[in-house]
Amino acid sequence: MDELVSRVGVARLRKATQGDFKELRRLSDGGDATATDELIQLATEHEDLEELRRLAARGNAVAADQLAELTSD
């Protein structure tokens, strides 16, 4: 489990601050799959379409699926 998840726990991540998003982005950009999963989950919960677009543009299929789900009506 990555350093951020270990340090603050999953429950805290669900109530992320902008600083948490920044740290998850850093870890995710470094290849941490757990951080990427958490970032997608948080971006989805917060309806952060910009973050989901960024991850989808980098080839993340889960982010693309979440983005499609949030933008379809």
PDB file of N, CA and C in Angstrom:
ATOM      1  N   MET A   1       0.855  -1.182   0.000  1.00  0.00           N
ATOM      2  CA  MET A   1       0.000   0.000   0.000  1.00  0.00           C
ATOM      3  C   MET A   1       0.893   1.235   0.000  1.00  0.00           C
ATOM      4  N   ASP A   2       0.524   2.228  -0.784  1.00  0.00           N
ATOM      5  CA  ASP A   2       1.389   3.393  -0.928  1.00  0.00           C
ATOM      6  C   ASP A   2       1.428   4.237   0.343  1.00  0.00           C
ATOM      7  N   GLU A   3       2.372   5.164   0.362  1.00  0.00           N
ATOM      8  CA  GLU A   3       2.608   5.979   1.557  1.00  0.00           C
ATOM      9  C   GLU A   3       1.409   6.828   1.964  1.00  0.00           C
ATOM     10  N   LEU A   4       0.684   7.389   1.006  1.00  0.00           N
ATOM     11  CA  LEU A   4      -0.455   8.246   1.356  1.00  0.00           C
ATOM     12  C   LEU A   4      -1.588   7.441   1.967  1.00  0.00           C
ATOM     13  N   VAL A   5      -1.925   6.304   1.362  1.00  0.00           N
ATOM     14  CA  VAL A   5      -2.994   5.463   1.890  1.00  0.00           C
ATOM     15  C   VAL A   5      -2.619   4.983   3.287  1.00  0.00           C
ATOM     16  N   SER A   6      -1.381   4.592   3.472  1.00  0.00           N
ATOM     17  CA  SER A   6      -0.935   4.140   4.784  1.00  0.00           C
ATOM     18  C   SER A   6      -1.014   5.249   5.814  1.00  0.00           C
ATOM     19  N   ARG A   7      -0.670   6.452   5.404  1.00  0.00           N
ATOM     20  CA  ARG A   7      -0.596   7.559   6.351  1.00  0.00           C
ATOM     21  C   ARG A   7      -1.956   8.077   6.775  1.00  0.00           C
ATOM     22  N   VAL A   8      -2.871   8.237   5.859  1.00  0.00           N
ATOM     23  CA  VAL A   8      -4.124   8.886   6.222  1.00  0.00           C
ATOM     24  C   VAL A   8      -5.334   7.979   6.192  1.00  0.00           C
ATOM     25  N   GLY A   9      -5.213   6.824   5.579  1.00  0.00           N
ATOM     26  CA  GLY A   9      -6.313   5.874   5.540  1.00  0.00           C
ATOM     27  C   GLY A   9      -7.352   6.198   4.477  1.00  0.00           C
ATOM     28  N   VAL A  10      -8.063   5.184   4.087  1.00  0.00           N
ATOM     29  CA  VAL A  10      -9.048   5.302   3.013  1.00  0.00           C
ATOM     30  C   VAL A  10     -10.176   6.253   3.394  1.00  0.00           C
ATOM     31  N   ALA A  11     -10.668   6.206   4.627  1.00  0.00           N
ATOM     32  CA  ALA A  11     -11.772   7.089   5.035  1.00  0.00           C
ATOM     33  C   ALA A  11     -11.380   8.553   4.879  1.00  0.00           C
ATOM     34  N   ARG A  12     -10.190   8.900   5.239  1.00  0.00           N
ATOM     35  CA  ARG A  12      -9.706  10.284   5.118  1.00  0.00           C
ATOM     36  C   ARG A  12      -9.606  10.678   3.647  1.00  0.00           C
ATOM     37  N   LEU A  13      -9.191   9.750   2.809  1.00  0.00           N
ATOM     38  CA  LEU A  13      -9.071  10.046   1.386  1.00  0.00           C
ATOM     39  C   LEU A  13     -10.411  10.412   0.769  1.00  0.00           C
ATOM     40  N   ARG A  14     -11.471   9.820   1.271  1.00  0.00           N
ATOM     41  CA  ARG A  14     -12.797  10.102   0.723  1.00  0.00           C
ATOM     42  C   ARG A  14     -13.238  11.527   1.015  1.00  0.00           C
ATOM     43  N   LYS A  15     -12.596  12.154   1.997  1.00  0.00           N
ATOM     44  CA  LYS A  15     -12.889  13.545   2.342  1.00  0.00           C
ATOM     45  C   LYS A  15     -11.662  14.389   2.001  1.00  0.00           C
ATOM     46  N   ALA A  16     -11.160  14.167   0.828  1.00  0.00           N
ATOM     47  CA  ALA A  16      -9.888  14.755   0.427  1.00  0.00           C
ATOM     48  C   ALA A  16      -9.932  16.272   0.319  1.00  0.00           C
ATOM     49  N   THR A  17      -8.831  16.848   0.688  1.00  0.00           N
ATOM     50  CA  THR A  17      -8.618  18.269   0.458  1.00  0.00           C
ATOM     51  C   THR A  17      -7.838  18.418  -0.839  1.00  0.00           C
ATOM     52  N   GLN A  18      -7.683  19.621  -1.288  1.00  0.00           N
ATOM     53  CA  GLN A  18      -6.920  19.860  -2.504  1.00  0.00           C
ATOM     54  C   GLN A  18      -5.496  19.323  -2.366  1.00  0.00           C
ATOM     55  N   GLY A  19      -4.925  19.431  -1.176  1.00  0.00           N
ATOM     56  CA  GLY A  19      -3.583  18.902  -0.934  1.00  0.00           C
ATOM     57  C   GLY A  19      -3.519  17.395  -1.123  1.00  0.00           C
ATOM     58  N   ASP A  20      -4.579  16.697  -0.718  1.00  0.00           N
ATOM     59  CA  ASP A  20      -4.631  15.246  -0.909  1.00  0.00           C
ATOM     60  C   ASP A  20      -4.667  14.914  -2.393  1.00  0.00           C
ATOM     61  N   PHE A  21      -5.473  15.666  -3.155  1.00  0.00           N
ATOM     62  CA  PHE A  21      -5.527  15.446  -4.594  1.00  0.00           C
ATOM     63  C   PHE A  21      -4.142  15.648  -5.211  1.00  0.00           C
ATOM     64  N   LYS A  22      -3.453  16.701  -4.779  1.00  0.00           N
ATOM     65  CA  LYS A  22      -2.121  16.987  -5.306  1.00  0.00           C
ATOM     66  C   LYS A  22      -1.160  15.833  -5.030  1.00  0.00           C
ATOM     67  N   GLU A  23      -1.195  15.317  -3.814  1.00  0.00           N
ATOM     68  CA  GLU A  23      -0.311  14.202  -3.446  1.00  0.00           C
ATOM     69  C   GLU A  23      -0.677  12.940  -4.225  1.00  0.00           C
ATOM     70  N   LEU A  24      -1.962  12.666  -4.359  1.00  0.00           N
ATOM     71  CA  LEU A  24      -2.373  11.499  -5.142  1.00  0.00           C
ATOM     72  C   LEU A  24      -1.951  11.642  -6.600  1.00  0.00           C
ATOM     73  N   ARG A  25      -2.070  12.851  -7.157  1.00  0.00           N
ATOM     74  CA  ARG A  25      -1.614  13.085  -8.535  1.00  0.00           C
ATOM     75  C   ARG A  25      -0.133  12.795  -8.661  1.00  0.00           C
ATOM     76  N   ARG A  26       0.643  13.278  -7.701  1.00  0.00           N
ATOM     77  CA  ARG A  26       2.093  13.071  -7.723  1.00  0.00           C
ATOM     78  C   ARG A  26       2.426  11.578  -7.714  1.00  0.00           C
ATOM     79  N   LEU A  27       1.782  10.852  -6.804  1.00  0.00           N
ATOM     80  CA  LEU A  27       2.025   9.414  -6.708  1.00  0.00           C
ATOM     81  C   LEU A  27       1.544   8.688  -7.954  1.00  0.00           C
ATOM     82  N   SER A  28       0.380   9.056  -8.433  1.00  0.00           N
ATOM     83  CA  SER A  28      -0.180   8.444  -9.626  1.00  0.00           C
ATOM     84  C   SER A  28       0.715   8.686 -10.838  1.00  0.00           C
ATOM     85  N   ASP A  29       1.169   9.929 -10.984  1.00  0.00           N
ATOM     86  CA  ASP A  29       2.044  10.266 -12.105  1.00  0.00           C
ATOM     87  C   ASP A  29       3.368   9.509 -12.034  1.00  0.00           C
ATOM     88  N   GLY A  30       3.731   9.082 -10.834  1.00  0.00           N
ATOM     89  CA  GLY A  30       4.940   8.289 -10.645  1.00  0.00           C
ATOM     90  C   GLY A  30       4.719   6.801 -10.865  1.00  0.00           C
ATOM     91  N   GLY A  31       3.492   6.419 -11.229  1.00  0.00           N
ATOM     92  CA  GLY A  31       3.218   5.023 -11.534  1.00  0.00           C
ATOM     93  C   GLY A  31       2.563   4.223 -10.429  1.00  0.00           C
ATOM     94  N   ASP A  32       2.147   4.858  -9.355  1.00  0.00           N
ATOM     95  CA  ASP A  32       1.516   4.149  -8.234  1.00  0.00           C
ATOM     96  C   ASP A  32       0.061   3.826  -8.586  1.00  0.00           C
ATOM     97  N   ALA A  33      -0.203   2.560  -8.846  1.00  0.00           N
ATOM     98  CA  ALA A  33      -1.542   2.122  -9.268  1.00  0.00           C
ATOM     99  C   ALA A  33      -2.585   2.334  -8.183  1.00  0.00           C
ATOM    100  N   THR A  34      -2.216   2.155  -6.929  1.00  0.00           N
ATOM    101  CA  THR A  34      -3.155   2.364  -5.825  1.00  0.00           C
ATOM    102  C   THR A  34      -3.563   3.830  -5.759  1.00  0.00           C
ATOM    103  N   ALA A  35      -2.602   4.717  -5.904  1.00  0.00           N
ATOM    104  CA  ALA A  35      -2.902   6.150  -5.900  1.00  0.00           C
ATOM    105  C   ALA A  35      -3.799   6.512  -7.077  1.00  0.00           C
ATOM    106  N   THR A  36      -3.549   5.912  -8.227  1.00  0.00           N
ATOM    107  CA  THR A  36      -4.387   6.172  -9.398  1.00  0.00           C
ATOM    108  C   THR A  36      -5.812   5.729  -9.145  1.00  0.00           C
ATOM    109  N   ASP A  37      -5.979   4.557  -8.581  1.00  0.00           N
ATOM    110  CA  ASP A  37      -7.328   4.061  -8.257  1.00  0.00           C
ATOM    111  C   ASP A  37      -8.036   4.996  -7.289  1.00  0.00           C
ATOM    112  N   GLU A  38      -7.327   5.437  -6.252  1.00  0.00           N
ATOM    113  CA  GLU A  38      -7.920   6.345  -5.268  1.00  0.00           C
ATOM    114  C   GLU A  38      -8.248   7.686  -5.908  1.00  0.00           C
ATOM    115  N   LEU A  39      -7.376   8.164  -6.775  1.00  0.00           N
ATOM    116  CA  LEU A  39      -7.603   9.438  -7.441  1.00  0.00           C
ATOM    117  C   LEU A  39      -8.842   9.373  -8.332  1.00  0.00           C
ATOM    118  N   ILE A  40      -9.004   8.277  -9.045  1.00  0.00           N
ATOM    119  CA  ILE A  40     -10.196   8.100  -9.878  1.00  0.00           C
ATOM    120  C   ILE A  40     -11.446   8.065  -9.011  1.00  0.00           C
ATOM    121  N   GLN A  41     -11.384   7.341  -7.912  1.00  0.00           N
ATOM    122  CA  GLN A  41     -12.534   7.251  -7.013  1.00  0.00           C
ATOM    123  C   GLN A  41     -12.898   8.633  -6.469  1.00  0.00           C
ATOM    124  N   LEU A  42     -11.907   9.375  -5.998  1.00  0.00           N
ATOM    125  CA  LEU A  42     -12.170  10.706  -5.459  1.00  0.00           C
ATOM    126  C   LEU A  42     -12.664  11.665  -6.527  1.00  0.00           C
ATOM    127  N   ALA A  43     -12.049  11.622  -7.692  1.00  0.00           N
ATOM    128  CA  ALA A  43     -12.485  12.501  -8.784  1.00  0.00           C
ATOM    129  C   ALA A  43     -13.926  12.197  -9.170  1.00  0.00           C
ATOM    130  N   THR A  44     -14.289  10.931  -9.155  1.00  0.00           N
ATOM    131  CA  THR A  44     -15.662  10.540  -9.467  1.00  0.00           C
ATOM    132  C   THR A  44     -16.619  11.051  -8.388  1.00  0.00           C
ATOM    133  N   GLU A  45     -16.267  10.837  -7.130  1.00  0.00           N
ATOM    134  CA  GLU A  45     -17.115  11.282  -6.021  1.00  0.00           C
ATOM    135  C   GLU A  45     -17.304  12.793  -6.021  1.00  0.00           C
ATOM    136  N   HIS A  46     -16.261  13.530  -6.410  1.00  0.00           N
ATOM    137  CA  HIS A  46     -16.309  14.992  -6.412  1.00  0.00           C
ATOM    138  C   HIS A  46     -16.717  15.545  -7.778  1.00  0.00           C
ATOM    139  N   GLU A  47     -17.049  14.641  -8.688  1.00  0.00           N
ATOM    140  CA  GLU A  47     -17.413  15.003 -10.056  1.00  0.00           C
ATOM    141  C   GLU A  47     -16.378  15.943 -10.672  1.00  0.00           C
ATOM    142  N   ASP A  48     -15.112  15.589 -10.470  1.00  0.00           N
ATOM    143  CA  ASP A  48     -13.989  16.360 -10.992  1.00  0.00           C
ATOM    144  C   ASP A  48     -13.698  15.883 -12.413  1.00  0.00           C
ATOM    145  N   LEU A  49     -14.448  16.436 -13.360  1.00  0.00           N
ATOM    146  CA  LEU A  49     -14.336  16.011 -14.756  1.00  0.00           C
ATOM    147  C   LEU A  49     -12.966  16.329 -15.340  1.00  0.00           C
ATOM    148  N   GLU A  50     -12.372  17.419 -14.918  1.00  0.00           N
ATOM    149  CA  GLU A  50     -11.045  17.787 -15.412  1.00  0.00           C
ATOM    150  C   GLU A  50     -10.018  16.714 -15.052  1.00  0.00           C
ATOM    151  N   GLU A  51     -10.054  16.249 -13.811  1.00  0.00           N
ATOM    152  CA  GLU A  51      -9.110  15.209 -13.376  1.00  0.00           C
ATOM    153  C   GLU A  51      -9.357  13.906 -14.127  1.00  0.00           C
ATOM    154  N   LEU A  52     -10.619  13.542 -14.277  1.00  0.00           N
ATOM    155  CA  LEU A  52     -10.935  12.320 -15.017  1.00  0.00           C
ATOM    156  C   LEU A  52     -10.490  12.429 -16.474  1.00  0.00           C
ATOM    157  N   ARG A  53     -10.668  13.601 -17.082  1.00  0.00           N
ATOM    158  CA  ARG A  53     -10.204  13.810 -18.465  1.00  0.00           C
ATOM    159  C   ARG A  53      -8.689  13.666 -18.558  1.00  0.00           C
ATOM    160  N   ARG A  54      -7.990  14.225 -17.576  1.00  0.00           N
ATOM    161  CA  ARG A  54      -6.522  14.144 -17.562  1.00  0.00           C
ATOM    162  C   ARG A  54      -6.062  12.691 -17.506  1.00  0.00           C
ATOM    163  N   LEU A  55      -6.685  11.918 -16.618  1.00  0.00           N
ATOM    164  CA  LEU A  55      -6.312  10.505 -16.480  1.00  0.00           C
ATOM    165  C   LEU A  55      -6.707   9.699 -17.713  1.00  0.00           C
ATOM    166  N   ALA A  56      -7.880   9.997 -18.255  1.00  0.00           N
ATOM    167  CA  ALA A  56      -8.330   9.303 -19.463  1.00  0.00           C
ATOM    168  C   ALA A  56      -7.399   9.606 -20.634  1.00  0.00           C
ATOM    169  N   ALA A  57      -6.955  10.839 -20.736  1.00  0.00           N
ATOM    170  CA  ALA A  57      -6.047  11.228 -21.812  1.00  0.00           C
ATOM    171  C   ALA A  57      -4.704  10.510 -21.709  1.00  0.00           C
ATOM    172  N   ARG A  58      -4.365  10.098 -20.505  1.00  0.00           N
ATOM    173  CA  ARG A  58      -3.122   9.339 -20.292  1.00  0.00           C
ATOM    174  C   ARG A  58      -3.328   7.848 -20.529  1.00  0.00           C
ATOM    175  N   GLY A  59      -4.546   7.492 -20.949  1.00  0.00           N
ATOM    176  CA  GLY A  59      -4.811   6.102 -21.313  1.00  0.00           C
ATOM    177  C   GLY A  59      -5.479   5.262 -20.246  1.00  0.00           C
ATOM    178  N   ASN A  60      -5.966   5.867 -19.191  1.00  0.00           N
ATOM    179  CA  ASN A  60      -6.615   5.093 -18.134  1.00  0.00           C
ATOM    180  C   ASN A  60      -8.066   4.812 -18.518  1.00  0.00           C
ATOM    181  N   ALA A  61      -8.361   3.543 -18.767  1.00  0.00           N
ATOM    182  CA  ALA A  61      -9.695   3.130 -19.211  1.00  0.00           C
ATOM    183  C   ALA A  61     -10.746   3.318 -18.131  1.00  0.00           C
ATOM    184  N   VAL A  62     -10.409   3.105 -16.882  1.00  0.00           N
ATOM    185  CA  VAL A  62     -11.366   3.276 -15.788  1.00  0.00           C
ATOM    186  C   VAL A  62     -11.776   4.744 -15.689  1.00  0.00           C
ATOM    187  N   ALA A  63     -10.815   5.641 -15.789  1.00  0.00           N
ATOM    188  CA  ALA A  63     -11.133   7.075 -15.756  1.00  0.00           C
ATOM    189  C   ALA A  63     -12.016   7.448 -16.935  1.00  0.00           C
ATOM    190  N   ALA A  64     -11.723   6.895 -18.104  1.00  0.00           N
ATOM    191  CA  ALA A  64     -12.540   7.167 -19.295  1.00  0.00           C
ATOM    192  C   ALA A  64     -13.962   6.666 -19.092  1.00  0.00           C
ATOM    193  N   ASP A  65     -14.108   5.495 -18.504  1.00  0.00           N
ATOM    194  CA  ASP A  65     -15.447   4.948 -18.232  1.00  0.00           C
ATOM    195  C   ASP A  65     -16.213   5.823 -17.240  1.00  0.00           C
ATOM    196  N   GLN A  66     -15.539   6.249 -16.179  1.00  0.00           N
ATOM    197  CA  GLN A  66     -16.182   7.099 -15.174  1.00  0.00           C
ATOM    198  C   GLN A  66     -16.589   8.437 -15.791  1.00  0.00           C
ATOM    199  N   LEU A  67     -15.713   8.991 -16.612  1.00  0.00           N
ATOM    200  CA  LEU A  67     -16.007  10.242 -17.289  1.00  0.00           C
ATOM    201  C   LEU A  67     -17.229  10.103 -18.180  1.00  0.00           C
ATOM    202  N   ALA A  68     -17.272   9.034 -18.939  1.00  0.00           N
ATOM    203  CA  ALA A  68     -18.413   8.790 -19.828  1.00  0.00           C
ATOM    204  C   ALA A  68     -19.707   8.649 -19.029  1.00  0.00           C
ATOM    205  N   GLU A  69     -19.632   7.962 -17.897  1.00  0.00           N
ATOM    206  CA  GLU A  69     -20.809   7.777 -17.058  1.00  0.00           C
ATOM    207  C   GLU A  69     -21.311   9.104 -16.470  1.00  0.00           C
ATOM    208  N   LEU A  70     -20.375   9.946 -16.034  1.00  0.00           N
ATOM    209  CA  LEU A  70     -20.760  11.219 -15.427  1.00  0.00           C
ATOM    210  C   LEU A  70     -21.276  12.225 -16.457  1.00  0.00           C
ATOM    211  N   THR A  71     -20.842  12.110 -17.686  1.00  0.00           N
ATOM    212  CA  THR A  71     -21.246  13.096 -18.696  1.00  0.00           C
ATOM    213  C   THR A  71     -22.378  12.628 -19.585  1.00  0.00           C
ATOM    214  N   SER A  72     -22.833  11.390 -19.412  1.00  0.00           N
ATOM    215  CA  SER A  72     -23.940  10.907 -20.232  1.00  0.00           C
ATOM    216  C   SER A  72     -25.271  11.249 -19.577  1.00  0.00           C
ATOM    217  N   ASP A  73     -26.216  11.617 -20.393  1.00  0.00           N
ATOM    218  CA  ASP A  73     -27.571  11.891 -19.903  1.00  0.00           C
ATOM    219  C   ASP A  73     -28.585  11.566 -20.942  1.00  0.00           C
TER     220      ASP A  73
END
